[in-house]
Amino acid sequence: MSYCFLLEDFWSAKIGIIAKIREHFKKYRTFVIILNHSVMKKIFAILVCALVSCTNSEEAIKAYQQQKEAIGLQSAEKQNELLGQSPMAFKQSMQAIAQQYTEILKNLPADFATKEEKANRYQQLAIVSEYLLNHRKYTEEEAPAIKELQDLCTAVDLDNAANFNDYPEYQTLVHNIFKLRIYSYKVQYEFNDPWGKILADFKTIKSENIKQALAPLLIEGVSPTSAATTNEELMALIPQIIKNTELLQELNQRINLVNKLKSGQPFPPFEGVVDMNDKSISFEQLNLKGKMLFIDIWATYCPDCRKELPFLETLQQTYKGKPITFVSISVDRDKEAWKAMVKEKKLRGIHLYASPETKELFKELYDLRSIPRYMLIDEKGNIINANLPMPSDKNLKELITATLRVLTNPKAQ
């Protein structure tokens, strides 16, 4: 009979301490015989203290868990309430919640408190990152509070393999922050290969478990709008990390789209567009045989689109009388706003309108994810470039001029 047996039995019983001691000591008198009265008193004291301590710890943990549940940060209802607040109100709410968590963690077993403190911190930061993702999705408000929240997330280490395994809250946080980086790079480097920068960030991660979790986010980067070198790297890297069949199928679909929109491939004709008189126009009806085609996909609500309009007008004036046709396709939500701007600014070229349904078709045909988007088609209907530089970029004029030179003087090729 061991001392551990006695302790375990007292732990489970939690009542009748003295009666239990007597019962066990009578039953196992051979064990008791070797103990004098003083030792018996010490054992009794140790057992009572251990039982009281364990009981108090259990009760404290139970009370803490009830208080944590009352705060409600783990509930979808509470999270939705927070995500709907203004930046300043959200910041104040999260500060109040952090203070509540600090208070309820007092008087808990040290090991338990340390682990819970880390889990709670990760959960709060995960909510902050979720707020930033939603805020960026629905508004471009640059409130001071937003900068402070961004700084909180920037300071997080995204490469802790042990924490990624031990804390689901950290997993969510890492995933959200990497998505925030993707969004930030796509905005900052929209027309300068953002996925090349995202890939470079990904390659700095050393933890294999984190790389495996984040790799599916890279599939989106395989796109006609990415640089050829970036596409090649992504196509080679992703299958080395991802083994999931559905994700690999998604990757293959994106690779097929990239290949369909490569230079020299037939341009996928659009349909479902109307002219300024609401007359349906098909790609074939434009009758562009023998002419190059410059396509601009834009919208009146798009700041970059509006900024490029004067440069596009200059470009059309430069090539007036040359075998090149400029077609602008609006994906505005408000058709009348599009008509008004075209008339007001007396915009040159052919102007067409794509409905929201047609815009969805453009996503499938041309991987349209952002606007403005410019494409150049040769006189035979083949793609020259499915992701041209902006009209304000001098490289675009050089490309058009060089292509026209070959078209008008084949010997110059």
Protein backbone atom coordinates (compact mmCIF):
# COMPACT_ATOMS: atom_id res chain seq x y z
CA MET A 1 0.00 0.00 0.00
CA SER A 2 1.44 3.39 -0.95
CA TYR A 3 0.98 6.88 0.39
CA CYS A 4 -0.14 7.94 -3.09
CA PHE A 5 -3.13 5.61 -2.79
CA LEU A 6 -4.29 7.38 0.34
CA LEU A 7 -3.91 10.80 -1.28
CA GLU A 8 -5.76 9.71 -4.40
CA ASP A 9 -8.59 8.28 -2.34
CA PHE A 10 -8.97 11.46 -0.31
CA TRP A 11 -8.95 13.50 -3.50
CA SER A 12 -11.89 11.58 -4.89
CA ALA A 13 -13.88 11.43 -1.67
CA LYS A 14 -13.52 15.03 -0.48
CA ILE A 15 -15.64 14.24 2.64
CA GLY A 16 -15.17 12.51 5.95
CA ILE A 17 -11.44 13.08 6.08
CA ILE A 18 -10.89 11.73 9.57
CA ALA A 19 -13.18 8.75 9.02
CA LYS A 20 -11.35 7.89 5.82
CA ILE A 21 -7.96 8.12 7.51
CA ARG A 22 -9.07 5.79 10.27
CA GLU A 23 -10.64 3.35 7.84
CA HIS A 24 -7.53 3.16 5.66
CA PHE A 25 -5.14 3.01 8.57
CA LYS A 26 -7.12 0.13 10.14
CA LYS A 27 -7.24 -1.71 6.84
CA TYR A 28 -3.55 -1.19 6.17
CA ARG A 29 -2.27 -1.45 9.76
CA THR A 30 1.01 -2.95 8.58
CA PHE A 31 1.70 0.41 6.98
CA VAL A 32 0.62 2.36 10.07
CA ILE A 33 2.66 0.26 12.49
CA ILE A 34 5.90 1.77 11.30
CA LEU A 35 4.64 5.32 11.82
CA ASN A 36 4.79 7.04 15.19
CA HIS A 37 2.20 9.50 16.40
CA SER A 38 4.15 12.56 15.24
CA VAL A 39 4.48 11.27 11.68
CA MET A 40 0.76 10.45 11.63
CA LYS A 41 -0.08 14.04 12.55
CA LYS A 42 2.16 15.36 9.78
CA ILE A 43 0.59 13.06 7.19
CA PHE A 44 -2.85 14.10 8.32
CA ALA A 45 -1.93 17.79 8.04
CA ILE A 46 -0.44 17.34 4.57
CA LEU A 47 -3.50 15.47 3.32
CA VAL A 48 -5.93 18.03 4.69
CA CYS A 49 -3.95 20.95 3.24
CA ALA A 50 -3.66 19.23 -0.14
CA LEU A 51 -7.36 18.50 -0.23
CA VAL A 52 -8.33 22.03 0.77
CA SER A 53 -5.89 23.52 -1.73
CA CYS A 54 -7.14 21.30 -4.55
CA THR A 55 -10.74 22.04 -3.70
CA ASN A 56 -10.07 25.80 -3.63
CA SER A 57 -8.21 25.64 -6.96
CA GLU A 58 -11.02 23.71 -8.58
CA GLU A 59 -13.58 26.17 -7.32
CA ALA A 60 -11.46 29.14 -8.45
CA ILE A 61 -11.04 27.68 -11.94
CA LYS A 62 -14.75 26.94 -12.17
CA ALA A 63 -15.59 30.49 -11.08
CA TYR A 64 -13.10 31.89 -13.60
CA GLN A 65 -14.61 29.87 -16.44
CA GLN A 66 -18.08 31.15 -15.55
CA GLN A 67 -16.82 34.74 -15.48
CA LYS A 68 -15.04 34.27 -18.81
CA GLU A 69 -18.22 32.93 -20.35
CA ALA A 70 -20.11 35.94 -18.98
CA ILE A 71 -17.69 38.32 -20.73
CA GLY A 72 -18.85 36.56 -23.89
CA LEU A 73 -15.91 37.13 -26.23
CA GLN A 74 -16.11 33.51 -27.39
CA SER A 75 -19.72 33.86 -28.56
CA ALA A 76 -20.56 34.72 -32.18
CA GLU A 77 -23.20 37.18 -30.96
CA LYS A 78 -20.68 39.20 -28.94
CA GLN A 79 -18.12 39.13 -31.74
CA ASN A 80 -20.67 40.39 -34.28
CA GLU A 81 -21.62 43.17 -31.89
CA LEU A 82 -17.96 44.24 -31.61
CA LEU A 83 -17.29 44.00 -35.34
CA GLY A 84 -20.17 46.39 -36.02
CA GLN A 85 -18.77 49.18 -33.84
CA SER A 86 -16.94 52.31 -34.96
CA PRO A 87 -13.12 52.17 -34.66
CA MET A 88 -13.00 54.24 -31.46
CA ALA A 89 -15.89 52.36 -29.82
CA PHE A 90 -14.30 49.03 -30.78
CA LYS A 91 -10.95 50.07 -29.32
CA GLN A 92 -12.60 51.11 -26.04
CA SER A 93 -14.61 47.88 -25.89
CA MET A 94 -11.49 45.76 -26.35
CA GLN A 95 -9.64 47.72 -23.67
CA ALA A 96 -12.51 47.10 -21.25
CA ILE A 97 -12.52 43.39 -22.07
CA ALA A 98 -8.75 43.19 -21.54
CA GLN A 99 -9.19 44.74 -18.10
CA GLN A 100 -11.95 42.26 -17.26
CA TYR A 101 -9.73 39.35 -18.24
CA THR A 102 -6.91 40.70 -16.05
CA GLU A 103 -9.24 40.86 -13.05
CA ILE A 104 -10.71 37.37 -13.35
CA LEU A 105 -7.26 35.76 -13.76
CA LYS A 106 -6.28 36.70 -10.21
CA ASN A 107 -5.96 34.02 -7.50
CA LEU A 108 -5.71 31.12 -9.95
CA PRO A 109 -3.05 28.36 -10.00
CA ALA A 110 0.06 29.86 -11.62
CA ASP A 111 0.40 27.37 -14.48
CA PHE A 112 -3.28 27.60 -15.36
CA ALA A 113 -3.26 31.41 -15.17
CA THR A 114 -0.20 31.69 -17.42
CA LYS A 115 -1.71 29.52 -20.13
CA GLU A 116 -5.09 31.24 -19.94
CA GLU A 117 -3.51 34.69 -20.07
CA LYS A 118 -1.79 33.77 -23.33
CA ALA A 119 -4.94 32.20 -24.79
CA ASN A 120 -7.01 35.25 -23.85
CA ARG A 121 -4.47 37.61 -25.38
CA TYR A 122 -4.44 35.66 -28.63
CA GLN A 123 -8.23 35.63 -28.70
CA GLN A 124 -8.43 39.39 -28.23
CA LEU A 125 -5.88 39.98 -30.99
CA ALA A 126 -7.77 37.56 -33.25
CA ILE A 127 -10.90 39.68 -32.80
CA VAL A 128 -8.86 42.82 -33.53
CA SER A 129 -7.50 41.25 -36.73
CA GLU A 130 -11.02 40.18 -37.72
CA TYR A 131 -12.21 43.74 -37.17
CA LEU A 132 -9.45 45.12 -39.37
CA LEU A 133 -10.26 42.62 -42.13
CA ASN A 134 -13.94 43.59 -42.08
CA HIS A 135 -13.19 47.30 -41.76
CA ARG A 136 -10.96 47.20 -44.82
CA LYS A 137 -13.55 45.19 -46.71
CA TYR A 138 -16.43 47.60 -46.18
CA THR A 139 -14.82 51.02 -45.64
CA GLU A 140 -11.57 52.87 -46.28
CA GLU A 141 -11.90 55.05 -43.17
CA GLU A 142 -8.45 55.93 -41.83
CA ALA A 143 -9.32 56.61 -38.19
CA PRO A 144 -6.45 57.03 -35.68
CA ALA A 145 -7.85 54.06 -33.76
CA ILE A 146 -7.36 51.88 -36.84
CA LYS A 147 -3.63 52.70 -36.91
CA GLU A 148 -3.33 51.72 -33.24
CA LEU A 149 -5.14 48.43 -33.86
CA GLN A 150 -2.89 47.72 -36.86
CA ASP A 151 0.19 48.31 -34.70
CA LEU A 152 -1.06 45.70 -32.21
CA CYS A 153 -1.26 43.09 -34.96
CA THR A 154 2.04 44.10 -36.57
CA ALA A 155 3.87 43.26 -33.34
CA VAL A 156 2.63 39.63 -33.33
CA ASP A 157 5.17 36.88 -34.07
CA LEU A 158 3.66 34.81 -36.88
CA ASP A 159 6.24 32.04 -36.73
CA ASN A 160 5.76 30.25 -33.39
CA ALA A 161 5.23 26.57 -34.19
CA ALA A 162 4.58 25.50 -30.57
CA ASN A 163 1.92 28.15 -29.96
CA PHE A 164 0.31 27.31 -33.30
CA ASN A 165 -0.12 23.72 -32.11
CA ASP A 166 -1.26 24.61 -28.59
CA TYR A 167 -3.56 27.58 -29.07
CA PRO A 168 -6.47 27.61 -31.55
CA GLU A 169 -6.72 31.36 -30.89
CA TYR A 170 -3.18 31.82 -32.18
CA GLN A 171 -4.02 29.81 -35.30
CA THR A 172 -6.91 32.17 -36.07
CA LEU A 173 -4.72 35.19 -35.34
CA VAL A 174 -1.90 34.07 -37.65
CA HIS A 175 -4.36 33.30 -40.44
CA ASN A 176 -6.07 36.70 -40.12
CA ILE A 177 -2.86 38.70 -39.97
CA PHE A 178 -1.48 37.00 -43.07
CA LYS A 179 -4.76 37.79 -44.86
CA LEU A 180 -4.35 41.40 -43.73
CA ARG A 181 -0.87 41.46 -45.25
CA ILE A 182 -2.25 40.08 -48.49
CA TYR A 183 -4.91 42.79 -48.58
CA SER A 184 -2.38 45.49 -47.73
CA TYR A 185 0.05 44.40 -50.48
CA LYS A 186 -2.76 44.12 -53.03
CA VAL A 187 -3.71 47.73 -52.32
CA GLN A 188 -0.18 49.09 -52.02
CA TYR A 189 1.24 47.24 -55.03
CA GLU A 190 -1.96 46.69 -57.00
CA PHE A 191 -0.29 47.18 -60.37
CA ASN A 192 3.19 46.08 -59.37
CA ASP A 193 2.97 42.31 -58.77
CA PRO A 194 1.62 42.28 -55.19
CA TRP A 195 1.78 38.49 -55.02
CA GLY A 196 5.52 38.62 -55.56
CA LYS A 197 5.78 40.56 -52.27
CA ILE A 198 3.33 38.22 -50.53
CA LEU A 199 5.33 35.19 -51.67
CA ALA A 200 8.55 36.75 -50.37
CA ASP A 201 6.91 37.19 -46.94
CA PHE A 202 5.65 33.61 -46.96
CA LYS A 203 9.10 32.25 -47.70
CA THR A 204 10.46 33.82 -44.50
CA ILE A 205 8.24 31.54 -42.37
CA LYS A 206 10.24 28.64 -40.91
CA SER A 207 7.52 26.70 -39.05
CA GLU A 208 6.26 23.89 -41.28
CA ASN A 209 2.88 23.64 -39.54
CA ILE A 210 2.24 27.35 -40.13
CA LYS A 211 3.37 27.18 -43.77
CA GLN A 212 0.98 24.27 -44.37
CA ALA A 213 -1.89 26.24 -42.84
CA LEU A 214 -1.21 29.41 -44.85
CA ALA A 215 -0.28 27.84 -48.19
CA PRO A 216 -3.92 27.63 -49.43
CA LEU A 217 -4.03 31.45 -49.33
CA LEU A 218 -1.31 31.54 -51.99
CA ILE A 219 -3.48 29.81 -54.60
CA GLU A 220 -5.21 33.12 -55.36
CA GLY A 221 -1.84 34.54 -56.41
CA VAL A 222 -1.69 32.26 -59.46
CA SER A 223 -3.22 34.77 -61.85
CA PRO A 224 -2.83 36.46 -65.23
CA THR A 225 -2.30 39.68 -63.26
CA SER A 226 0.77 38.28 -61.46
CA ALA A 227 4.25 38.48 -62.94
CA ALA A 228 5.30 35.39 -64.92
CA THR A 229 8.13 34.67 -62.47
CA THR A 230 5.73 34.89 -59.51
CA ASN A 231 3.31 32.49 -61.19
CA GLU A 232 6.12 30.03 -61.89
CA GLU A 233 7.30 30.11 -58.28
CA LEU A 234 3.80 29.68 -56.89
CA MET A 235 3.01 26.83 -59.26
CA ALA A 236 6.16 25.02 -58.13
CA LEU A 237 5.89 25.78 -54.40
CA ILE A 238 2.22 25.18 -53.60
CA PRO A 239 2.08 21.46 -54.63
CA GLN A 240 5.13 20.81 -52.43
CA ILE A 241 3.18 21.96 -49.36
CA ILE A 242 -0.46 21.19 -50.12
CA LYS A 243 -1.66 17.61 -50.54
CA ASN A 244 -5.41 18.22 -50.28
CA THR A 245 -7.07 17.05 -53.51
CA GLU A 246 -9.70 19.82 -53.66
CA LEU A 247 -7.13 22.55 -53.12
CA LEU A 248 -4.88 21.07 -55.80
CA GLN A 249 -7.85 21.03 -58.18
CA GLU A 250 -8.44 24.71 -57.43
CA LEU A 251 -4.76 25.37 -58.15
CA ASN A 252 -5.00 23.52 -61.48
CA GLN A 253 -8.03 25.61 -62.46
CA ARG A 254 -6.06 28.77 -61.84
CA ILE A 255 -3.09 27.45 -63.79
CA ASN A 256 -5.41 26.66 -66.72
CA LEU A 257 -6.78 30.22 -66.63
CA VAL A 258 -3.27 31.68 -66.62
CA ASN A 259 -2.37 29.56 -69.65
CA LYS A 260 -5.56 30.58 -71.51
CA LEU A 261 -4.70 34.26 -71.10
CA LYS A 262 -1.06 34.02 -72.13
CA SER A 263 0.27 36.02 -75.05
CA GLY A 264 -0.65 34.41 -78.38
CA GLN A 265 -3.77 32.65 -77.08
CA PRO A 266 -7.21 33.44 -78.61
CA PHE A 267 -8.96 36.20 -76.67
CA PRO A 268 -12.08 34.82 -74.89
CA PRO A 269 -14.91 36.89 -76.41
CA PHE A 270 -17.27 38.68 -74.03
CA GLU A 271 -21.04 38.93 -74.27
CA GLY A 272 -23.90 40.39 -72.25
CA VAL A 273 -22.85 44.04 -72.68
CA VAL A 274 -24.92 46.98 -73.94
CA ASP A 275 -24.06 50.31 -75.58
CA MET A 276 -25.11 53.82 -74.55
CA ASN A 277 -28.53 53.19 -76.11
CA ASP A 278 -29.01 49.95 -74.13
CA LYS A 279 -28.57 47.89 -77.27
CA SER A 280 -26.97 44.47 -76.74
CA ILE A 281 -23.54 44.20 -78.32
CA SER A 282 -21.49 41.04 -78.83
CA PHE A 283 -17.72 40.92 -79.28
CA GLU A 284 -18.16 39.78 -82.90
CA GLN A 285 -20.41 42.75 -83.70
CA LEU A 286 -17.57 45.17 -83.00
CA ASN A 287 -16.07 44.07 -86.35
CA LEU A 288 -12.46 44.60 -85.37
CA LYS A 289 -10.83 42.48 -88.08
CA GLY A 290 -7.48 43.87 -89.11
CA LYS A 291 -7.32 46.20 -86.09
CA MET A 292 -5.73 45.96 -82.70
CA LEU A 293 -8.11 46.18 -79.76
CA PHE A 294 -7.42 48.02 -76.51
CA ILE A 295 -9.86 47.03 -73.74
CA ASP A 296 -10.37 49.10 -70.60
CA ILE A 297 -12.55 47.64 -67.82
CA TRP A 298 -13.46 50.40 -65.37
CA ALA A 299 -16.16 52.07 -63.24
CA THR A 300 -17.09 55.62 -62.28
CA TYR A 301 -16.77 54.83 -58.55
CA CYS A 302 -13.13 53.68 -58.96
CA PRO A 303 -10.59 56.42 -58.02
CA ASP A 304 -7.75 54.87 -60.05
CA CYS A 305 -10.04 54.52 -63.05
CA ARG A 306 -10.98 58.20 -62.92
CA LYS A 307 -7.35 59.23 -62.42
CA GLU A 308 -6.32 57.36 -65.58
CA LEU A 309 -9.08 58.81 -67.80
CA PRO A 310 -7.07 61.86 -69.00
CA PHE A 311 -4.10 59.61 -69.85
CA LEU A 312 -6.40 57.24 -71.73
CA GLU A 313 -7.86 60.19 -73.67
CA THR A 314 -4.33 61.32 -74.61
CA LEU A 315 -3.48 57.79 -75.70
CA GLN A 316 -6.52 57.67 -78.00
CA GLN A 317 -5.63 61.04 -79.49
CA THR A 318 -2.06 59.85 -80.09
CA TYR A 319 -3.23 56.84 -82.12
CA LYS A 320 -6.12 58.50 -83.91
CA GLY A 321 -6.32 57.15 -87.45
CA LYS A 322 -4.16 54.12 -86.58
CA PRO A 323 -5.46 50.54 -86.82
CA ILE A 324 -6.35 50.32 -83.14
CA THR A 325 -9.79 50.55 -81.51
CA PHE A 326 -10.34 51.56 -77.89
CA VAL A 327 -13.24 49.88 -76.08
CA SER A 328 -14.14 50.85 -72.51
CA ILE A 329 -16.42 48.51 -70.58
CA SER A 330 -18.01 49.85 -67.39
CA VAL A 331 -18.82 47.50 -64.50
CA ASP A 332 -20.66 50.23 -62.59
CA ARG A 333 -23.44 49.26 -60.25
CA ASP A 334 -25.30 52.36 -61.44
CA LYS A 335 -25.72 52.36 -65.22
CA GLU A 336 -27.02 55.93 -65.29
CA ALA A 337 -23.93 57.19 -63.44
CA TRP A 338 -21.81 55.61 -66.19
CA LYS A 339 -23.86 57.22 -68.98
CA ALA A 340 -23.69 60.60 -67.27
CA MET A 341 -19.90 60.55 -66.93
CA VAL A 342 -19.31 59.42 -70.51
CA LYS A 343 -21.50 62.29 -71.79
CA GLU A 344 -20.23 64.88 -69.33
CA LYS A 345 -16.55 64.23 -70.02
CA LYS A 346 -17.15 63.49 -73.73
CA LEU A 347 -15.06 60.35 -73.47
CA ARG A 348 -13.62 58.95 -76.71
CA GLY A 349 -13.85 55.42 -78.06
CA ILE A 350 -16.53 52.75 -77.86
CA HIS A 351 -18.32 52.65 -74.49
CA LEU A 352 -20.15 49.56 -73.28
CA TYR A 353 -21.79 48.55 -70.01
CA ALA A 354 -21.54 45.19 -68.24
CA SER A 355 -24.25 44.25 -65.75
CA PRO A 356 -23.35 42.74 -62.35
CA GLU A 357 -24.05 39.31 -63.85
CA THR A 358 -21.69 39.99 -66.76
CA LYS A 359 -19.08 41.25 -64.32
CA GLU A 360 -19.18 37.83 -62.67
CA LEU A 361 -18.61 36.29 -66.10
CA PHE A 362 -15.57 38.56 -66.55
CA LYS A 363 -14.12 37.11 -63.36
CA GLU A 364 -14.25 33.66 -64.95
CA LEU A 365 -13.06 34.76 -68.39
CA TYR A 366 -10.33 37.23 -67.46
CA ASP A 367 -9.74 36.66 -63.73
CA LEU A 368 -11.08 40.18 -63.13
CA ARG A 369 -10.45 40.98 -59.46
CA SER A 370 -9.73 44.68 -59.49
CA ILE A 371 -10.16 47.67 -61.76
CA PRO A 372 -9.00 49.37 -63.86
CA ARG A 373 -7.87 46.47 -66.01
CA TYR A 374 -6.36 46.92 -69.46
CA MET A 375 -5.85 44.30 -72.18
CA LEU A 376 -4.43 44.42 -75.70
CA ILE A 377 -5.57 42.12 -78.54
CA ASP A 378 -3.93 41.80 -81.95
CA GLU A 379 -5.59 42.09 -85.34
CA LYS A 380 -6.18 38.32 -85.46
CA GLY A 381 -8.02 38.24 -82.14
CA ASN A 382 -5.11 36.84 -80.15
CA ILE A 383 -3.92 38.16 -76.80
CA ILE A 384 -0.89 40.45 -76.78
CA ASN A 385 -1.13 41.26 -73.08
CA ALA A 386 -3.99 40.45 -70.68
CA ASN A 387 -2.69 42.75 -67.96
CA LEU A 388 -1.32 45.95 -69.45
CA PRO A 389 0.40 48.79 -67.59
CA MET A 390 -1.69 51.86 -66.77
CA PRO A 391 -2.20 54.49 -69.50
CA SER A 392 -0.07 56.85 -67.38
CA ASP A 393 2.85 54.40 -67.65
CA LYS A 394 5.16 55.27 -70.58
CA ASN A 395 5.81 51.55 -71.09
CA LEU A 396 2.26 51.15 -72.40
CA LYS A 397 2.77 53.66 -75.19
CA GLU A 398 6.04 51.99 -76.17
CA LEU A 399 4.31 48.58 -76.34
CA ILE A 400 1.43 49.86 -78.49
CA THR A 401 3.77 51.77 -80.82
CA ALA A 402 6.04 48.75 -81.32
CA THR A 403 3.08 46.45 -81.99
CA LEU A 404 1.51 48.89 -84.47
CA ARG A 405 4.82 49.19 -86.28
CA VAL A 406 4.84 45.44 -86.91
CA LEU A 407 1.16 45.48 -87.92
CA THR A 408 1.54 48.29 -90.44
CA ASN A 409 4.99 47.21 -91.65
CA PRO A 410 5.40 43.42 -91.35
CA LYS A 411 8.98 43.68 -92.62
CA ALA A 412 9.87 45.63 -89.47
CA GLN A 413 9.20 42.50 -87.38
